[in-house]
C-alpha atoms as a PDB file:
ATOM      1  CA  MET A   1     -14.562  11.318   5.627  1.00  0.00           C
ATOM      2  CA  ALA A   2     -12.354   8.878   3.731  1.00  0.00           C
ATOM      3  CA  ARG A   3     -13.152   5.174   3.735  1.00  0.00           C
ATOM      4  CA  ILE A   4     -11.071   2.094   2.964  1.00  0.00           C
ATOM      5  CA  LYS A   5     -12.001  -1.432   1.886  1.00  0.00           C
ATOM      6  CA  GLY A   6     -12.048  -4.262   4.372  1.00  0.00           C
ATOM      7  CA  PHE A   7      -9.549  -6.276   2.334  1.00  0.00           C
ATOM      8  CA  ALA A   8      -6.908  -3.645   3.204  1.00  0.00           C
ATOM      9  CA  LEU A   9      -7.609  -4.095   6.923  1.00  0.00           C
ATOM     10  CA  ARG A  10      -7.634  -7.873   6.577  1.00  0.00           C
ATOM     11  CA  GLY A  11      -4.302  -7.723   4.736  1.00  0.00           C
ATOM     12  CA  LEU A  12      -2.729  -5.803   7.598  1.00  0.00           C
ATOM     13  CA  LEU A  13      -4.066  -8.311  10.112  1.00  0.00           C
ATOM     14  CA  LYS A  14      -2.709 -11.142   7.939  1.00  0.00           C
ATOM     15  CA  SER A  15       0.721  -9.490   8.027  1.00  0.00           C
ATOM     16  CA  VAL A  16       0.606  -9.539  11.828  1.00  0.00           C
ATOM     17  CA  LYS A  17      -0.388 -13.205  11.836  1.00  0.00           C
ATOM     18  CA  ASP A  18       2.247 -14.153   9.219  1.00  0.00           C
ATOM     19  CA  LYS A  19       4.964 -12.598  11.399  1.00  0.00           C
ATOM     20  CA  GLY A  20       3.789 -14.634  14.379  1.00  0.00           C
ATOM     21  CA  GLY A  21       2.387 -11.570  16.090  1.00  0.00           C
ATOM     22  CA  SER A  22      -0.644 -11.220  18.297  1.00  0.00           C
ATOM     23  CA  ILE A  23      -3.660  -9.618  16.644  1.00  0.00           C
ATOM     24  CA  PRO A  24      -5.363  -9.031  20.039  1.00  0.00           C
ATOM     25  CA  ALA A  25      -2.232  -7.202  21.255  1.00  0.00           C
ATOM     26  CA  VAL A  26      -2.332  -4.914  18.206  1.00  0.00           C
ATOM     27  CA  LEU A  27      -6.072  -4.281  18.542  1.00  0.00           C
ATOM     28  CA  ALA A  28      -5.632  -3.486  22.239  1.00  0.00           C
ATOM     29  CA  ILE A  29      -3.521  -0.401  21.474  1.00  0.00           C
ATOM     30  CA  LEU A  30      -5.705   1.021  18.698  1.00  0.00           C
ATOM     31  CA  PRO A  31      -6.774   4.627  19.086  1.00  0.00           C
ATOM     32  CA  GLU A  32     -10.319   5.018  20.416  1.00  0.00           C
ATOM     33  CA  GLU A  33     -11.737   6.158  17.042  1.00  0.00           C
ATOM     34  CA  ALA A  34     -10.396   3.024  15.287  1.00  0.00           C
ATOM     35  CA  SER A  35     -11.548   0.365  17.756  1.00  0.00           C
ATOM     36  CA  PRO A  36     -15.265   0.121  16.806  1.00  0.00           C
ATOM     37  CA  SER A  37     -14.375  -1.119  13.309  1.00  0.00           C
ATOM     38  CA  PHE A  38     -12.793  -4.224  14.824  1.00  0.00           C
ATOM     39  CA  ALA A  39     -15.664  -5.135  17.161  1.00  0.00           C
ATOM     40  CA  ARG A  40     -16.939  -7.556  14.488  1.00  0.00           C
ATOM     41  CA  PRO A  41     -15.141  -9.604  11.850  1.00  0.00           C
ATOM     42  CA  ILE A  42     -13.860  -7.460   8.983  1.00  0.00           C
ATOM     43  CA  VAL A  43     -15.757  -8.007   5.716  1.00  0.00           C
ATOM     44  CA  ALA A  44     -13.355  -7.836   2.749  1.00  0.00           C
ATOM     45  CA  SER A  45     -15.855  -6.051   0.491  1.00  0.00           C
ATOM     46  CA  GLY A  46     -17.066  -3.642   3.184  1.00  0.00           C
ATOM     47  CA  TRP A  47     -16.083  -0.005   3.533  1.00  0.00           C
ATOM     48  CA  TYR A  48     -14.536   1.133   6.824  1.00  0.00           C
ATOM     49  CA  PRO A  49     -13.482   4.508   8.239  1.00  0.00           C
ATOM     50  CA  TYR A  50     -10.016   5.514   7.110  1.00  0.00           C
ATOM     51  CA  ALA A  51      -9.135   6.178  10.766  1.00  0.00           C
ATOM     52  CA  ALA A  52      -9.391   2.405  11.384  1.00  0.00           C
ATOM     53  CA  PHE A  53      -6.785   1.732   8.691  1.00  0.00           C
ATOM     54  CA  ALA A  54      -4.382   4.468   9.801  1.00  0.00           C
ATOM     55  CA  GLY A  55      -4.777   3.465  13.447  1.00  0.00           C
ATOM     56  CA  LEU A  56      -4.093  -0.178  12.613  1.00  0.00           C
ATOM     57  CA  VAL A  57      -0.934   0.625  10.614  1.00  0.00           C
ATOM     58  CA  ARG A  58       0.358   2.765  13.487  1.00  0.00           C
ATOM     59  CA  ALA A  59      -0.488   0.108  16.101  1.00  0.00           C
ATOM     60  CA  ILE A  60       1.311  -2.580  14.094  1.00  0.00           C
ATOM     61  CA  ASP A  61       4.315  -0.272  13.752  1.00  0.00           C
ATOM     62  CA  ARG A  62       4.384   0.301  17.529  1.00  0.00           C
ATOM     63  CA  ILE A  63       4.407  -3.428  18.271  1.00  0.00           C
ATOM     64  CA  HIS A  64       6.407  -4.892  15.377  1.00  0.00           C
ATOM     65  CA  GLY A  65       8.487  -1.895  14.376  1.00  0.00           C
ATOM     66  CA  LYS A  66      10.193   0.815  16.373  1.00  0.00           C
ATOM     67  CA  GLY A  67       7.277   3.218  16.571  1.00  0.00           C
ATOM     68  CA  ASP A  68       8.845   5.443  13.905  1.00  0.00           C
ATOM     69  CA  LEU A  69       6.368   4.383  11.158  1.00  0.00           C
ATOM     70  CA  LEU A  70       9.112   2.796   9.037  1.00  0.00           C
ATOM     71  CA  TYR A  71       7.571  -0.643   9.550  1.00  0.00           C
ATOM     72  CA  ALA A  72       4.675   0.611   7.411  1.00  0.00           C
ATOM     73  CA  ARG A  73       7.021   0.291   4.419  1.00  0.00           C
ATOM     74  CA  ASP A  74       7.496  -3.420   5.212  1.00  0.00           C
ATOM     75  CA  LEU A  75       3.716  -3.765   5.412  1.00  0.00           C
ATOM     76  CA  GLY A  76       3.535  -2.310   1.902  1.00  0.00           C
ATOM     77  CA  LEU A  77       6.110  -4.762   0.575  1.00  0.00           C
ATOM     78  CA  ALA A  78       4.115  -7.664   2.025  1.00  0.00           C
ATOM     79  CA  ALA A  79       0.854  -6.261   0.655  1.00  0.00           C
ATOM     80  CA  ALA A  80       2.271  -6.087  -2.886  1.00  0.00           C
ATOM     81  CA  ALA A  81       3.342  -9.727  -2.768  1.00  0.00           C
ATOM     82  CA  ARG A  82      -0.085 -10.700  -1.417  1.00  0.00           C
ATOM     83  CA  ASP A  83      -1.945  -8.588  -3.995  1.00  0.00           C
ATOM     84  CA  LEU A  84      -0.104 -10.045  -6.968  1.00  0.00           C
ATOM     85  CA  GLY A  85      -0.586 -13.525  -5.561  1.00  0.00           C
ATOM     86  CA  GLY A  86      -4.279 -12.984  -4.920  1.00  0.00           C
ATOM     87  CA  THR A  87      -6.324  -9.894  -5.672  1.00  0.00           C
ATOM     88  CA  PHE A  88      -4.601  -8.953  -8.929  1.00  0.00           C
ATOM     89  CA  ARG A  89      -3.500 -12.447  -9.969  1.00  0.00           C
ATOM     90  CA  ILE A  90      -5.959 -12.772 -12.850  1.00  0.00           C
ATOM     91  CA  ILE A  91      -5.270  -9.251 -14.091  1.00  0.00           C
ATOM     92  CA  SER A  92      -1.511  -9.724 -13.826  1.00  0.00           C
ATOM     93  CA  ALA A  93      -1.672 -12.956 -15.816  1.00  0.00           C
ATOM     94  CA  VAL A  94      -3.064 -11.234 -18.891  1.00  0.00           C
ATOM     95  CA  ALA A  95      -1.838  -7.654 -18.630  1.00  0.00           C
ATOM     96  CA  SER A  96       1.471  -5.934 -19.216  1.00  0.00           C
ATOM     97  CA  PRO A  97       3.083  -3.721 -16.572  1.00  0.00           C
ATOM     98  CA  LYS A  98       2.419  -0.700 -18.784  1.00  0.00           C
ATOM     99  CA  PHE A  99      -1.269  -1.647 -18.880  1.00  0.00           C
ATOM    100  CA  LEU A 100      -1.360  -1.942 -15.081  1.00  0.00           C
ATOM    101  CA  ILE A 101       0.544   1.281 -14.504  1.00  0.00           C
ATOM    102  CA  GLU A 102      -1.694   3.244 -16.868  1.00  0.00           C
ATOM    103  CA  ARG A 103      -4.726   2.001 -14.936  1.00  0.00           C
ATOM    104  CA  GLY A 104      -3.372   2.589 -11.448  1.00  0.00           C
ATOM    105  CA  HIS A 105      -6.243   4.939 -10.764  1.00  0.00           C
ATOM    106  CA  MET A 106      -8.715   2.050 -11.138  1.00  0.00           C
ATOM    107  CA  PHE A 107      -6.890  -0.021  -8.526  1.00  0.00           C
ATOM    108  CA  TRP A 108      -6.808   2.857  -6.063  1.00  0.00           C
ATOM    109  CA  SER A 109     -10.560   3.421  -6.291  1.00  0.00           C
ATOM    110  CA  LYS A 110     -11.186  -0.245  -5.426  1.00  0.00           C
ATOM    111  CA  TYR A 111      -9.118   0.248  -2.273  1.00  0.00           C
ATOM    112  CA  CYS A 112      -9.891   3.757  -1.028  1.00  0.00           C
ATOM    113  CA  ASP A 113     -12.771   6.113  -1.827  1.00  0.00           C
ATOM    114  CA  THR A 114     -10.661   9.258  -1.454  1.00  0.00           C
ATOM    115  CA  GLY A 115      -7.849  10.481  -3.666  1.00  0.00           C
ATOM    116  CA  ARG A 116      -6.666   9.487  -7.080  1.00  0.00           C
ATOM    117  CA  LEU A 117      -3.490   7.568  -7.940  1.00  0.00           C
ATOM    118  CA  VAL A 118      -1.890   8.507 -11.249  1.00  0.00           C
ATOM    119  CA  LEU A 119       1.001   6.317 -12.427  1.00  0.00           C
ATOM    120  CA  ASP A 120       3.264   6.890 -15.409  1.00  0.00           C
ATOM    121  CA  ALA A 121       5.831   4.461 -16.808  1.00  0.00           C
ATOM    122  CA  SER A 122       7.130   6.547 -19.673  1.00  0.00           C
ATOM    123  CA  GLY A 123      10.801   6.420 -18.651  1.00  0.00           C
ATOM    124  CA  GLU A 124      13.383   3.674 -19.122  1.00  0.00           C
ATOM    125  CA  ARG A 125      13.339   1.574 -15.918  1.00  0.00           C
ATOM    126  CA  LEU A 126      11.459   4.349 -14.186  1.00  0.00           C
ATOM    127  CA  PHE A 127       7.933   5.031 -13.062  1.00  0.00           C
ATOM    128  CA  ARG A 128       6.363   7.909 -11.247  1.00  0.00           C
ATOM    129  CA  GLY A 129       3.223   7.980  -9.172  1.00  0.00           C
ATOM    130  CA  ARG A 130       1.178  10.842  -7.831  1.00  0.00           C
ATOM    131  CA  LEU A 131      -1.537  10.529  -5.206  1.00  0.00           C
ATOM    132  CA  GLU A 132      -3.823  13.505  -5.687  1.00  0.00           C
ATOM    133  CA  GLU A 133      -6.821  14.858  -3.787  1.00  0.00           C
ATOM    134  CA  PHE A 134      -6.017  13.171  -0.469  1.00  0.00           C
ATOM    135  CA  PRO A 135      -4.668  15.941   1.788  1.00  0.00           C
ATOM    136  CA  ASP A 136      -5.575  13.992   4.948  1.00  0.00           C
ATOM    137  CA  ILE A 137      -3.581  10.846   4.120  1.00  0.00           C
ATOM    138  CA  ASP A 138      -1.826   9.480   7.167  1.00  0.00           C
ATOM    139  CA  ALA A 139       1.988   9.631   7.086  1.00  0.00           C
ATOM    140  CA  SER A 140       2.152   5.887   7.780  1.00  0.00           C
ATOM    141  CA  HIS A 141       0.086   5.277   4.647  1.00  0.00           C
ATOM    142  CA  CYS A 142       2.609   7.231   2.551  1.00  0.00           C
ATOM    143  CA  LEU A 143       5.332   4.826   3.695  1.00  0.00           C
ATOM    144  CA  LEU A 144       3.083   1.827   3.065  1.00  0.00           C
ATOM    145  CA  ILE A 145       2.463   3.017  -0.521  1.00  0.00           C
ATOM    146  CA  GLU A 146       6.200   3.507  -1.040  1.00  0.00           C
ATOM    147  CA  GLY A 147       6.803  -0.096   0.034  1.00  0.00           C
ATOM    148  CA  TRP A 148       3.855  -1.375  -2.014  1.00  0.00           C
ATOM    149  CA  LEU A 149       5.163   0.259  -5.190  1.00  0.00           C
ATOM    150  CA  GLU A 150       8.621  -1.237  -4.605  1.00  0.00           C
ATOM    151  CA  GLY A 151       7.136  -4.665  -3.897  1.00  0.00           C
ATOM    152  CA  LEU A 152       5.057  -4.441  -7.052  1.00  0.00           C
ATOM    153  CA  GLY A 153       8.213  -3.775  -9.066  1.00  0.00           C
ATOM    154  CA  HIS A 154      10.003  -6.748  -7.495  1.00  0.00           C
ATOM    155  CA  ALA A 155       7.041  -9.001  -8.275  1.00  0.00           C
ATOM    156  CA  LEU A 156       6.997  -7.802 -11.882  1.00  0.00           C
ATOM    157  CA  GLY A 157      10.665  -8.678 -12.400  1.00  0.00           C
ATOM    158  CA  ALA A 158      12.472  -5.420 -11.642  1.00  0.00           C
ATOM    159  CA  VAL A 159      16.027  -6.194 -10.452  1.00  0.00           C
ATOM    160  CA  GLY A 160      17.386  -3.694  -7.939  1.00  0.00           C
ATOM    161  CA  MET A 161      13.990  -2.025  -7.608  1.00  0.00           C
ATOM    162  CA  ALA A 162      13.885   0.937  -5.234  1.00  0.00           C
ATOM    163  CA  SER A 163      11.054   3.366  -4.651  1.00  0.00           C
ATOM    164  CA  ARG A 164      11.000   6.580  -2.713  1.00  0.00           C
ATOM    165  CA  GLN A 165       8.605   9.356  -1.916  1.00  0.00           C
ATOM    166  CA  LEU A 166       9.650  12.606  -3.566  1.00  0.00           C
ATOM    167  CA  ARG A 167       6.912  14.902  -2.282  1.00  0.00           C
ATOM    168  CA  CYS A 168       4.391  14.665   0.528  1.00  0.00           C
ATOM    169  CA  VAL A 169       1.399  16.634   1.748  1.00  0.00           C
ATOM    170  CA  HIS A 170       2.917  16.336   5.234  1.00  0.00           C
ATOM    171  CA  ARG A 171       5.838  18.471   4.030  1.00  0.00           C
ATOM    172  CA  GLY A 172       3.547  21.086   2.512  1.00  0.00           C
ATOM    173  CA  ASP A 173       3.466  19.714  -1.036  1.00  0.00           C
ATOM    174  CA  PRO A 174       0.146  19.732  -2.922  1.00  0.00           C
ATOM    175  CA  ALA A 175       0.236  15.941  -3.445  1.00  0.00           C
ATOM    176  CA  CYS A 176       2.248  12.862  -2.538  1.00  0.00           C
ATOM    177  CA  GLU A 177       4.618  11.801  -5.329  1.00  0.00           C
ATOM    178  CA  PHE A 178       6.630   8.612  -5.648  1.00  0.00           C
ATOM    179  CA  GLU A 179       9.341   7.367  -7.962  1.00  0.00           C
ATOM    180  CA  GLY A 180      10.537   3.869  -8.694  1.00  0.00           C
ATOM    181  CA  ARG A 181      13.771   2.930 -10.461  1.00  0.00           C
ATOM    182  CA  TRP A 182      15.412  -0.393 -11.162  1.00  0.00           C
ATOM    183  CA  ASP A 183      18.680  -1.665 -12.633  1.00  0.00           C
ATOM    184  CA  ALA A 184      17.581  -4.445 -14.949  1.00  0.00           C
ATOM    185  CA  ASP A 185      14.670  -6.594 -15.980  1.00  0.00           C
ATOM    186  CA  ARG A 186      14.669 -10.196 -14.795  1.00  0.00           C
ATOM    187  CA  PRO A 187      14.461 -12.560 -17.777  1.00  0.00           C
ATOM    188  CA  GLY A 188      11.043 -14.142 -17.776  1.00  0.00           C
ATOM    189  CA  GLY A 189       9.654 -11.447 -15.470  1.00  0.00           C
ATOM    190  CA  TRP A 190       6.895  -9.160 -16.627  1.00  0.00           C
ATOM    191  CA  LEU A 191       9.267  -6.360 -17.362  1.00  0.00           C
ATOM    192  CA  GLY A 192      11.758  -8.417 -19.338  1.00  0.00           C
END
């Protein structure tokens, strides 16, 4: 059974709070299998059942989105901004985007104990990502990753950054694949 770090759950709860939402209202509509994880305060360094994460993303989408999972993408955008301002701040201060992209698999393993994220930035204003060995990923998580990758590009100085999911295990593909493209590099940004 897949597990996810507490800092991912805490980040989602922070997104609810930052939008002026009610955390108790979100927790009240969690699926039964997700609820026990929230009976006590979430420990950032602790491991939690993946069902708690997926259930929380879906509950947030039902309350703050339209219930179509698209709000998960917005959660990903917010998570990228938070990560580069916090979790990865020290790394981002000393590393190039190419360095970070080539080590995407290390970041994934700090976040989730299932699957492997492979990123490649070999193209001009293009990167590709492939999430392998995670056939049970929740569809809402795919959208969150898509938003996170786009938000990461924005934070690194990509002008006109857009990411999209090309392939998905939920459509019968062997892995989830993402692509990010941008128009220009912002002067003074990481990419420029």
